[in-house]
Amino acid sequence: GGTLKQAFEATHAHLAPRFGMWPIFEHCLPFDVQRLWDEMDGIDWPRIWTAERDQEVWDKLQD
């Protein structure tokens, strides 16, 4: 159970101590979590990333 935001926060808390210093970590993690969320929802093929979707995911997961 839970929400996408909760999944992101838990993943970030778990991975940040080890990978948080990587310059691309903060940028890529929201999209990685969204993709896994999509897979868990039964979406087999990745949805096309548009500029609008990019902004939507970023806004949902980064306060």
Protein backbone atom coordinates (compact mmCIF):
# COMPACT_ATOMS: atom_id res chain seq x y z
CA GLY A 1 0.00 0.00 0.00
CA GLY A 2 0.89 3.62 0.03
CA THR A 3 1.27 6.40 -2.48
CA LEU A 4 3.81 7.21 -5.13
CA LYS A 5 5.10 10.04 -2.93
CA GLN A 6 5.54 7.65 0.02
CA ALA A 7 7.38 5.18 -2.20
CA PHE A 8 9.66 7.96 -3.39
CA GLU A 9 10.37 9.18 0.13
CA ALA A 10 11.14 5.67 1.41
CA THR A 11 13.38 4.93 -1.57
CA HIS A 12 15.18 8.24 -1.18
CA ALA A 13 15.76 7.66 2.54
CA HIS A 14 17.16 4.21 1.86
CA LEU A 15 19.41 5.11 -1.09
CA ALA A 16 20.58 8.64 -0.27
CA PRO A 17 23.19 7.63 2.32
CA ARG A 18 24.97 5.48 -0.25
CA PHE A 19 24.24 7.24 -3.55
CA GLY A 20 23.14 10.76 -2.60
CA MET A 21 26.52 12.26 -3.42
CA TRP A 22 26.22 11.26 -7.07
CA PRO A 23 25.37 14.40 -9.06
CA ILE A 24 22.59 12.67 -11.03
CA PHE A 25 20.96 10.95 -8.02
CA GLU A 26 18.46 13.68 -7.14
CA HIS A 27 17.54 14.20 -10.78
CA CYS A 28 17.00 10.55 -11.79
CA LEU A 29 15.42 9.05 -8.69
CA PRO A 30 11.93 10.54 -9.16
CA PHE A 31 11.71 9.11 -12.67
CA ASP A 32 13.11 5.73 -11.62
CA VAL A 33 10.51 5.46 -8.85
CA GLN A 34 7.73 6.51 -11.24
CA ARG A 35 8.79 3.84 -13.74
CA LEU A 36 8.77 1.13 -11.07
CA TRP A 37 5.37 2.39 -9.89
CA ASP A 38 4.09 2.06 -13.45
CA GLU A 39 5.40 -1.51 -13.62
CA MET A 40 3.70 -2.36 -10.34
CA ASP A 41 0.48 -0.95 -11.84
CA GLY A 42 0.81 -3.41 -14.73
CA ILE A 43 2.24 -1.08 -17.37
CA ASP A 44 4.66 -3.36 -19.24
CA TRP A 45 6.05 -0.86 -21.71
CA PRO A 46 7.39 2.47 -20.48
CA ARG A 47 5.15 5.41 -21.21
CA ILE A 48 6.64 8.08 -23.42
CA TRP A 49 8.32 10.82 -21.43
CA THR A 50 7.13 14.20 -22.59
CA ALA A 51 8.14 17.55 -21.17
CA GLU A 52 4.71 17.74 -19.54
CA ARG A 53 5.03 14.31 -17.93
CA ASP A 54 8.54 15.13 -16.80
CA GLN A 55 7.26 18.24 -15.02
CA GLU A 56 4.23 16.41 -13.60
CA VAL A 57 6.37 13.66 -12.03
CA TRP A 58 8.89 16.17 -10.73
CA ASP A 59 6.14 18.30 -9.16
CA LYS A 60 4.51 15.26 -7.50
CA LEU A 61 7.71 13.99 -5.94
CA GLN A 62 9.85 17.05 -5.28
CA ASP A 63 8.33 19.58 -2.89
